[in-house]
Structure formats: C-alpha cells, structure tokens
Amino acid sequence: MALLKPGITPPGQGDGGTVWNILGQTYYLKESCDSSFAFEVVGDPGTFVPPHIHPTQDEFIYLIDGTMELTLDGALHTLAAGGMARMPMGIPHGYKNVGDKTVRALFWVSPARKLHELFSRIHNVPDPMEVVRISATCEVNFLPPPG
C-alpha cells in the first residue's frame, strides 16, 4: 500500500520530476498515493478531454486560471477561475478550454486506483483512439461521440 508522503511539490514542476504530455496538454504530477492522486493541467485554448466516466473514482477540478466549459452528466456548465467542479464516480464528464488564454487547473481523484498508471501509459500517445483503448484498461471509459 502506498501511503501519502509528506513534502512539497514546487510550482511548475511535477513530484519527482514527473510531467506528462496528454493529447496536447501538460499534466504535472502533484501527489500520488492509494487514497488520492493530484495533478495540475495546463492547456491552451481549444484543448479538451471528451466525456468519460470514472466508475471507481470521484474527481474534482479547481480552476486556477482561464475558463472551461464543463460537461457534467449531459449538462453544460461554465467553470471560471476560482471555481471548483465535483464529479462523482459513475457520472459522465468532460471539459474544454473555451477561453482565449491558457487554463491551469488542479485536478484530483479519490481513490487513486489506476490513474497514475494510465497517465504514464498515454504520455506522448498521439492517437486518440489508442488513448481511449488504453484508458479502458485503467478504469476510465470514454463515451462514443454524439450522433
């Protein structure tokens, strides 16, 4: 069992130097243990993660900078800087940077389950369909496109 380790992860860095490129966004590992997993996401305008479900994790987003359009259980919401989104396990959700500046957000899930493994496996994978396939093996299920 991996317990939470005390320490500080400096700004602009990932814990232990861990940084992932996931579909054009930069993910900085902030902490990883059995009970939770936290990462900072930096994404340019237009970057997004399509609707998906975490069947075994609750997920949260605290938006530091920028504006996101959040799809939560089929409804669209605007998430502004300083806002926080709560996405219970089993509820479809996705997001897009709809503003004209880079977004920075702190994401975290509880429990961690296989998310650290997933990010390590999809780092620098350019094919979205391969990301979807790998994600399904790590308890993240992307929804088919509408229509």
N, C-alpha and C. Protein backbone atom coordinates (compact mmCIF):
# COMPACT_ATOMS: atom_id res chain seq x y z
N MET A 1 0.84 -1.18 0.00
CA MET A 1 0.00 0.00 0.00
C MET A 1 0.89 1.24 0.00
N ALA A 2 0.61 2.18 -0.90
CA ALA A 2 1.36 3.43 -0.97
C ALA A 2 0.64 4.48 -0.13
N LEU A 3 1.32 4.93 0.92
CA LEU A 3 0.76 5.96 1.78
C LEU A 3 1.20 7.34 1.30
N LEU A 4 0.44 8.35 1.67
CA LEU A 4 0.80 9.73 1.33
C LEU A 4 2.11 10.09 2.02
N LYS A 5 3.05 10.63 1.23
CA LYS A 5 4.34 11.05 1.76
C LYS A 5 4.32 12.55 2.00
N PRO A 6 4.88 12.99 3.12
CA PRO A 6 4.95 14.44 3.35
C PRO A 6 5.93 15.08 2.37
N GLY A 7 5.69 16.34 2.05
CA GLY A 7 6.61 17.05 1.17
C GLY A 7 5.95 18.18 0.43
N ILE A 8 6.73 18.84 -0.41
CA ILE A 8 6.29 20.00 -1.20
C ILE A 8 6.62 19.72 -2.66
N THR A 9 5.67 19.97 -3.54
CA THR A 9 5.94 19.93 -4.97
C THR A 9 5.96 21.38 -5.44
N PRO A 10 7.11 21.88 -5.90
CA PRO A 10 7.22 23.30 -6.27
C PRO A 10 6.35 23.66 -7.48
N PRO A 11 6.04 24.95 -7.62
CA PRO A 11 5.28 25.41 -8.79
C PRO A 11 6.00 25.07 -10.09
N GLY A 12 5.23 24.72 -11.11
CA GLY A 12 5.79 24.46 -12.43
C GLY A 12 6.58 23.17 -12.52
N GLN A 13 6.41 22.29 -11.53
CA GLN A 13 7.13 21.01 -11.53
C GLN A 13 6.17 19.90 -11.16
N GLY A 14 6.56 18.69 -11.54
CA GLY A 14 5.84 17.50 -11.11
C GLY A 14 6.59 16.84 -9.98
N ASP A 15 5.88 16.19 -9.08
CA ASP A 15 6.51 15.46 -7.99
C ASP A 15 7.49 14.45 -8.56
N GLY A 16 8.71 14.49 -8.08
CA GLY A 16 9.74 13.60 -8.60
C GLY A 16 10.12 13.89 -10.04
N GLY A 17 9.77 15.09 -10.54
CA GLY A 17 10.06 15.46 -11.93
C GLY A 17 9.09 14.89 -12.94
N THR A 18 7.97 14.30 -12.48
CA THR A 18 7.02 13.64 -13.38
C THR A 18 6.11 14.65 -14.07
N VAL A 19 6.22 14.69 -15.40
CA VAL A 19 5.39 15.55 -16.24
C VAL A 19 4.96 14.71 -17.44
N TRP A 20 3.66 14.79 -17.78
CA TRP A 20 3.13 14.04 -18.91
C TRP A 20 2.58 14.98 -19.97
N ASN A 21 2.71 14.60 -21.25
CA ASN A 21 2.04 15.25 -22.37
C ASN A 21 0.88 14.34 -22.76
N ILE A 22 -0.33 14.83 -22.54
CA ILE A 22 -1.51 14.01 -22.82
C ILE A 22 -2.42 14.80 -23.77
N LEU A 23 -2.42 14.35 -25.02
CA LEU A 23 -3.25 14.95 -26.08
C LEU A 23 -3.13 16.47 -26.13
N GLY A 24 -1.89 16.95 -26.09
CA GLY A 24 -1.63 18.38 -26.26
C GLY A 24 -1.69 19.20 -24.99
N GLN A 25 -1.95 18.58 -23.86
CA GLN A 25 -1.96 19.29 -22.59
C GLN A 25 -0.80 18.79 -21.74
N THR A 26 -0.34 19.62 -20.83
CA THR A 26 0.73 19.24 -19.92
C THR A 26 0.13 18.93 -18.57
N TYR A 27 0.47 17.75 -18.05
CA TYR A 27 0.00 17.30 -16.74
C TYR A 27 1.22 17.18 -15.82
N TYR A 28 1.18 17.90 -14.70
CA TYR A 28 2.25 17.84 -13.69
C TYR A 28 1.74 17.03 -12.50
N LEU A 29 2.41 15.93 -12.19
CA LEU A 29 2.05 15.14 -11.02
C LEU A 29 2.28 15.99 -9.77
N LYS A 30 1.28 16.08 -8.92
CA LYS A 30 1.42 16.81 -7.66
C LYS A 30 1.50 15.86 -6.48
N GLU A 31 0.78 14.76 -6.50
CA GLU A 31 0.91 13.73 -5.47
C GLU A 31 0.22 12.46 -5.94
N SER A 32 0.71 11.33 -5.41
CA SER A 32 0.14 10.04 -5.78
C SER A 32 0.30 9.08 -4.60
N CYS A 33 -0.83 8.55 -4.13
CA CYS A 33 -0.84 7.52 -3.10
C CYS A 33 -2.11 6.71 -3.30
N ASP A 34 -2.34 5.71 -2.50
CA ASP A 34 -3.52 4.87 -2.70
C ASP A 34 -4.83 5.64 -2.53
N SER A 35 -4.87 6.57 -1.59
CA SER A 35 -6.13 7.24 -1.29
C SER A 35 -6.46 8.40 -2.21
N SER A 36 -5.46 8.97 -2.90
CA SER A 36 -5.74 10.10 -3.79
C SER A 36 -4.61 10.27 -4.80
N PHE A 37 -4.92 11.05 -5.83
CA PHE A 37 -3.98 11.32 -6.91
C PHE A 37 -4.29 12.73 -7.39
N ALA A 38 -3.28 13.62 -7.41
CA ALA A 38 -3.49 15.01 -7.79
C ALA A 38 -2.51 15.41 -8.88
N PHE A 39 -3.00 16.23 -9.83
CA PHE A 39 -2.16 16.68 -10.94
C PHE A 39 -2.64 18.05 -11.39
N GLU A 40 -1.69 18.86 -11.87
CA GLU A 40 -2.01 20.16 -12.44
C GLU A 40 -2.06 20.00 -13.95
N VAL A 41 -3.09 20.58 -14.56
CA VAL A 41 -3.24 20.55 -16.01
C VAL A 41 -3.05 21.96 -16.55
N VAL A 42 -2.24 22.07 -17.60
CA VAL A 42 -2.05 23.33 -18.32
C VAL A 42 -2.43 23.05 -19.77
N GLY A 43 -3.42 23.79 -20.27
CA GLY A 43 -3.91 23.55 -21.63
C GLY A 43 -4.18 24.84 -22.38
N ASP A 44 -3.79 24.87 -23.64
CA ASP A 44 -4.03 26.03 -24.50
C ASP A 44 -5.50 26.11 -24.90
N PRO A 45 -5.92 27.28 -25.40
CA PRO A 45 -7.30 27.41 -25.89
C PRO A 45 -7.62 26.30 -26.89
N GLY A 46 -8.82 25.75 -26.73
CA GLY A 46 -9.30 24.70 -27.63
C GLY A 46 -8.96 23.29 -27.18
N THR A 47 -8.04 23.12 -26.24
CA THR A 47 -7.73 21.77 -25.78
C THR A 47 -8.88 21.24 -24.94
N PHE A 48 -9.03 19.91 -24.93
CA PHE A 48 -10.18 19.33 -24.25
C PHE A 48 -9.92 17.87 -23.89
N VAL A 49 -10.79 17.36 -23.02
CA VAL A 49 -10.90 15.94 -22.74
C VAL A 49 -12.37 15.59 -22.95
N PRO A 50 -12.67 14.66 -23.89
CA PRO A 50 -14.06 14.34 -24.18
C PRO A 50 -14.75 13.63 -23.01
N PRO A 51 -16.08 13.59 -23.05
CA PRO A 51 -16.82 12.95 -21.96
C PRO A 51 -16.37 11.51 -21.71
N HIS A 52 -16.22 11.22 -20.42
CA HIS A 52 -15.77 9.91 -19.97
C HIS A 52 -16.31 9.66 -18.57
N ILE A 53 -16.14 8.44 -18.11
CA ILE A 53 -16.64 8.05 -16.79
C ILE A 53 -15.50 7.38 -16.01
N HIS A 54 -15.39 7.74 -14.74
CA HIS A 54 -14.54 7.02 -13.79
C HIS A 54 -15.48 6.19 -12.92
N PRO A 55 -15.61 4.90 -13.17
CA PRO A 55 -16.56 4.10 -12.39
C PRO A 55 -16.12 3.86 -10.95
N THR A 56 -14.84 4.11 -10.64
CA THR A 56 -14.32 3.78 -9.31
C THR A 56 -13.69 4.96 -8.59
N GLN A 57 -13.87 6.19 -9.11
CA GLN A 57 -13.22 7.37 -8.51
C GLN A 57 -14.14 8.58 -8.55
N ASP A 58 -14.06 9.37 -7.49
CA ASP A 58 -14.62 10.72 -7.52
C ASP A 58 -13.51 11.62 -8.05
N GLU A 59 -13.90 12.63 -8.86
CA GLU A 59 -12.89 13.55 -9.42
C GLU A 59 -13.31 14.99 -9.13
N PHE A 60 -12.30 15.84 -8.97
CA PHE A 60 -12.51 17.25 -8.66
C PHE A 60 -11.60 18.09 -9.54
N ILE A 61 -12.06 19.30 -9.88
CA ILE A 61 -11.25 20.28 -10.61
C ILE A 61 -11.37 21.61 -9.87
N TYR A 62 -10.22 22.19 -9.53
CA TYR A 62 -10.18 23.56 -9.03
C TYR A 62 -9.49 24.37 -10.11
N LEU A 63 -10.22 25.30 -10.75
CA LEU A 63 -9.66 26.08 -11.86
C LEU A 63 -8.90 27.28 -11.32
N ILE A 64 -7.61 27.33 -11.63
CA ILE A 64 -6.73 28.40 -11.16
C ILE A 64 -6.78 29.59 -12.11
N ASP A 65 -6.63 29.34 -13.41
CA ASP A 65 -6.63 30.39 -14.43
C ASP A 65 -7.44 29.93 -15.63
N GLY A 66 -8.10 30.87 -16.31
CA GLY A 66 -8.79 30.59 -17.54
C GLY A 66 -10.27 30.29 -17.35
N THR A 67 -10.87 29.74 -18.41
CA THR A 67 -12.28 29.40 -18.42
C THR A 67 -12.46 28.04 -19.09
N MET A 68 -13.23 27.17 -18.45
CA MET A 68 -13.53 25.86 -19.01
C MET A 68 -15.02 25.72 -19.21
N GLU A 69 -15.37 25.00 -20.26
CA GLU A 69 -16.73 24.53 -20.42
C GLU A 69 -16.72 23.09 -19.92
N LEU A 70 -17.53 22.82 -18.93
CA LEU A 70 -17.58 21.50 -18.32
C LEU A 70 -18.89 20.83 -18.67
N THR A 71 -18.81 19.63 -19.21
CA THR A 71 -19.99 18.80 -19.41
C THR A 71 -20.07 17.86 -18.23
N LEU A 72 -21.17 17.94 -17.49
CA LEU A 72 -21.35 17.12 -16.30
C LEU A 72 -22.72 16.47 -16.36
N ASP A 73 -22.72 15.15 -16.52
CA ASP A 73 -23.96 14.37 -16.62
C ASP A 73 -24.88 14.91 -17.71
N GLY A 74 -24.27 15.31 -18.85
CA GLY A 74 -25.03 15.77 -20.01
C GLY A 74 -25.35 17.26 -20.03
N ALA A 75 -25.12 17.97 -18.94
CA ALA A 75 -25.43 19.41 -18.89
C ALA A 75 -24.13 20.21 -19.02
N LEU A 76 -24.20 21.34 -19.74
CA LEU A 76 -23.05 22.22 -19.91
C LEU A 76 -22.99 23.25 -18.79
N HIS A 77 -21.78 23.47 -18.28
CA HIS A 77 -21.54 24.45 -17.23
C HIS A 77 -20.29 25.24 -17.60
N THR A 78 -20.22 26.49 -17.15
CA THR A 78 -19.00 27.28 -17.30
C THR A 78 -18.28 27.25 -15.96
N LEU A 79 -17.01 26.91 -16.02
CA LEU A 79 -16.17 26.91 -14.83
C LEU A 79 -15.18 28.05 -14.98
N ALA A 80 -15.28 29.04 -14.10
CA ALA A 80 -14.41 30.21 -14.13
C ALA A 80 -13.29 30.05 -13.10
N ALA A 81 -12.22 30.83 -13.26
CA ALA A 81 -11.11 30.80 -12.32
C ALA A 81 -11.63 30.97 -10.90
N GLY A 82 -11.17 30.12 -10.01
CA GLY A 82 -11.61 30.13 -8.62
C GLY A 82 -12.77 29.20 -8.36
N GLY A 83 -13.36 28.64 -9.43
CA GLY A 83 -14.48 27.70 -9.27
C GLY A 83 -13.98 26.27 -9.13
N MET A 84 -14.83 25.44 -8.52
CA MET A 84 -14.48 24.05 -8.34
C MET A 84 -15.61 23.17 -8.83
N ALA A 85 -15.23 22.10 -9.54
CA ALA A 85 -16.20 21.13 -10.04
C ALA A 85 -16.05 19.83 -9.26
N ARG A 86 -17.19 19.23 -8.93
CA ARG A 86 -17.23 17.93 -8.26
C ARG A 86 -17.89 16.94 -9.21
N MET A 87 -17.19 15.85 -9.49
CA MET A 87 -17.68 14.86 -10.44
C MET A 87 -17.68 13.49 -9.77
N PRO A 88 -18.83 13.08 -9.22
CA PRO A 88 -18.89 11.80 -8.52
C PRO A 88 -18.63 10.61 -9.47
N MET A 89 -18.10 9.53 -8.91
CA MET A 89 -17.84 8.34 -9.72
C MET A 89 -19.12 7.91 -10.43
N GLY A 90 -18.94 7.45 -11.66
CA GLY A 90 -20.07 6.96 -12.44
C GLY A 90 -20.80 8.03 -13.23
N ILE A 91 -20.47 9.31 -13.03
CA ILE A 91 -21.15 10.41 -13.73
C ILE A 91 -20.29 10.84 -14.93
N PRO A 92 -20.86 10.85 -16.15
CA PRO A 92 -20.08 11.29 -17.32
C PRO A 92 -19.68 12.76 -17.19
N HIS A 93 -18.44 13.04 -17.59
CA HIS A 93 -17.95 14.42 -17.54
C HIS A 93 -16.81 14.60 -18.56
N GLY A 94 -16.61 15.83 -18.97
CA GLY A 94 -15.53 16.20 -19.88
C GLY A 94 -15.36 17.70 -19.80
N TYR A 95 -14.29 18.22 -20.40
CA TYR A 95 -14.08 19.66 -20.35
C TYR A 95 -13.35 20.15 -21.59
N LYS A 96 -13.48 21.47 -21.82
CA LYS A 96 -12.79 22.13 -22.93
C LYS A 96 -12.39 23.52 -22.50
N ASN A 97 -11.18 23.94 -22.91
CA ASN A 97 -10.75 25.31 -22.69
C ASN A 97 -11.43 26.17 -23.75
N VAL A 98 -12.44 26.92 -23.34
CA VAL A 98 -13.21 27.73 -24.29
C VAL A 98 -12.78 29.19 -24.27
N GLY A 99 -11.81 29.52 -23.44
CA GLY A 99 -11.35 30.90 -23.36
C GLY A 99 -10.28 31.19 -24.38
N ASP A 100 -9.70 32.39 -24.27
CA ASP A 100 -8.66 32.80 -25.21
C ASP A 100 -7.28 32.81 -24.54
N LYS A 101 -7.20 32.19 -23.36
CA LYS A 101 -5.90 32.07 -22.69
C LYS A 101 -5.74 30.66 -22.14
N THR A 102 -4.52 30.35 -21.77
CA THR A 102 -4.19 29.04 -21.22
C THR A 102 -4.95 28.81 -19.92
N VAL A 103 -5.43 27.59 -19.73
CA VAL A 103 -6.03 27.23 -18.44
C VAL A 103 -4.99 26.52 -17.60
N ARG A 104 -5.12 26.74 -16.29
CA ARG A 104 -4.35 26.00 -15.29
C ARG A 104 -5.35 25.52 -14.26
N ALA A 105 -5.30 24.24 -13.96
CA ALA A 105 -6.26 23.69 -13.01
C ALA A 105 -5.60 22.59 -12.20
N LEU A 106 -6.04 22.48 -10.95
CA LEU A 106 -5.65 21.36 -10.11
C LEU A 106 -6.77 20.34 -10.17
N PHE A 107 -6.42 19.13 -10.59
CA PHE A 107 -7.35 18.01 -10.63
C PHE A 107 -6.94 17.03 -9.54
N TRP A 108 -7.90 16.35 -8.95
CA TRP A 108 -7.57 15.24 -8.07
C TRP A 108 -8.70 14.23 -8.07
N VAL A 109 -8.31 12.99 -7.83
CA VAL A 109 -9.26 11.89 -7.76
C VAL A 109 -9.06 11.14 -6.45
N SER A 110 -10.13 10.48 -6.02
CA SER A 110 -10.07 9.66 -4.82
C SER A 110 -11.00 8.47 -5.01
N PRO A 111 -10.51 7.27 -4.79
CA PRO A 111 -9.12 6.88 -4.56
C PRO A 111 -8.31 6.96 -5.85
N ALA A 112 -7.01 6.74 -5.75
CA ALA A 112 -6.14 6.88 -6.93
C ALA A 112 -6.39 5.81 -7.99
N ARG A 113 -6.64 4.57 -7.55
CA ARG A 113 -6.84 3.43 -8.45
C ARG A 113 -5.70 3.37 -9.48
N LYS A 114 -6.03 3.40 -10.79
CA LYS A 114 -5.02 3.19 -11.84
C LYS A 114 -4.68 4.46 -12.63
N LEU A 115 -5.02 5.64 -12.10
CA LEU A 115 -4.82 6.86 -12.90
C LEU A 115 -3.35 7.18 -13.13
N HIS A 116 -2.50 6.96 -12.14
CA HIS A 116 -1.07 7.20 -12.34
C HIS A 116 -0.55 6.28 -13.46
N GLU A 117 -0.92 5.02 -13.41
CA GLU A 117 -0.52 4.07 -14.47
C GLU A 117 -1.03 4.55 -15.83
N LEU A 118 -2.30 4.99 -15.88
CA LEU A 118 -2.89 5.44 -17.14
C LEU A 118 -2.08 6.59 -17.73
N PHE A 119 -1.79 7.62 -16.94
CA PHE A 119 -1.08 8.77 -17.47
C PHE A 119 0.31 8.39 -17.95
N SER A 120 0.96 7.49 -17.25
CA SER A 120 2.28 7.03 -17.69
C SER A 120 2.19 6.30 -19.03
N ARG A 121 1.12 5.55 -19.22
CA ARG A 121 0.96 4.78 -20.46
C ARG A 121 0.53 5.63 -21.65
N ILE A 122 -0.22 6.72 -21.42
CA ILE A 122 -0.69 7.51 -22.56
C ILE A 122 0.16 8.76 -22.80
N HIS A 123 1.20 8.95 -22.00
CA HIS A 123 2.13 10.06 -22.21
C HIS A 123 2.68 9.99 -23.64
N ASN A 124 2.53 11.08 -24.38
CA ASN A 124 3.02 11.22 -25.76
C ASN A 124 2.36 10.28 -26.77
N VAL A 125 1.22 9.69 -26.44
CA VAL A 125 0.48 8.88 -27.42
C VAL A 125 -0.35 9.83 -28.27
N PRO A 126 -0.07 9.93 -29.59
CA PRO A 126 -0.76 10.92 -30.42
C PRO A 126 -2.14 10.50 -30.91
N ASP A 127 -2.43 9.20 -30.91
CA ASP A 127 -3.67 8.69 -31.48
C ASP A 127 -4.78 8.65 -30.43
N PRO A 128 -5.81 9.49 -30.57
CA PRO A 128 -6.89 9.50 -29.58
C PRO A 128 -7.57 8.13 -29.40
N MET A 129 -7.68 7.35 -30.45
CA MET A 129 -8.32 6.04 -30.32
C MET A 129 -7.46 5.10 -29.47
N GLU A 130 -6.16 5.22 -29.56
CA GLU A 130 -5.27 4.42 -28.72
C GLU A 130 -5.38 4.88 -27.25
N VAL A 131 -5.52 6.18 -27.03
CA VAL A 131 -5.72 6.70 -25.68
C VAL A 131 -7.01 6.13 -25.10
N VAL A 132 -8.08 6.09 -25.89
CA VAL A 132 -9.36 5.52 -25.45
C VAL A 132 -9.20 4.05 -25.09
N ARG A 133 -8.48 3.30 -25.94
CA ARG A 133 -8.29 1.86 -25.70
C ARG A 133 -7.52 1.62 -24.41
N ILE A 134 -6.41 2.34 -24.24
CA ILE A 134 -5.60 2.18 -23.03
C ILE A 134 -6.39 2.61 -21.80
N SER A 135 -7.14 3.69 -21.91
CA SER A 135 -7.91 4.20 -20.78
C SER A 135 -8.89 3.16 -20.24
N ALA A 136 -9.51 2.42 -21.13
CA ALA A 136 -10.47 1.40 -20.71
C ALA A 136 -9.81 0.31 -19.86
N THR A 137 -8.52 0.07 -20.06
CA THR A 137 -7.82 -0.94 -19.26
C THR A 137 -7.45 -0.40 -17.88
N CYS A 138 -7.62 0.92 -17.69
CA CYS A 138 -7.26 1.58 -16.42
C CYS A 138 -8.47 2.23 -15.75
N GLU A 139 -9.66 1.71 -16.01
CA GLU A 139 -10.89 2.14 -15.35
C GLU A 139 -11.33 3.57 -15.69
N VAL A 140 -11.04 4.01 -16.92
CA VAL A 140 -11.58 5.28 -17.43
C VAL A 140 -12.21 4.95 -18.77
N ASN A 141 -13.53 5.18 -18.86
CA ASN A 141 -14.29 4.77 -20.04
C ASN A 141 -14.80 6.00 -20.79
N PHE A 142 -14.26 6.21 -22.00
CA PHE A 142 -14.72 7.32 -22.83
C PHE A 142 -16.03 6.96 -23.50
N LEU A 143 -16.89 7.96 -23.64
CA LEU A 143 -18.20 7.77 -24.27
C LEU A 143 -18.05 7.93 -25.78
N PRO A 144 -18.89 7.24 -26.55
CA PRO A 144 -18.83 7.43 -28.01
C PRO A 144 -19.24 8.85 -28.37
N PRO A 145 -18.71 9.38 -29.48
CA PRO A 145 -19.10 10.73 -29.91
C PRO A 145 -20.60 10.80 -30.16
N PRO A 146 -21.21 11.98 -29.91
CA PRO A 146 -22.65 12.12 -30.17
C PRO A 146 -22.97 11.97 -31.64
N GLY A 147 -24.15 11.46 -31.92
CA GLY A 147 -24.62 11.34 -33.32
C GLY A 147 -24.15 10.10 -33.95
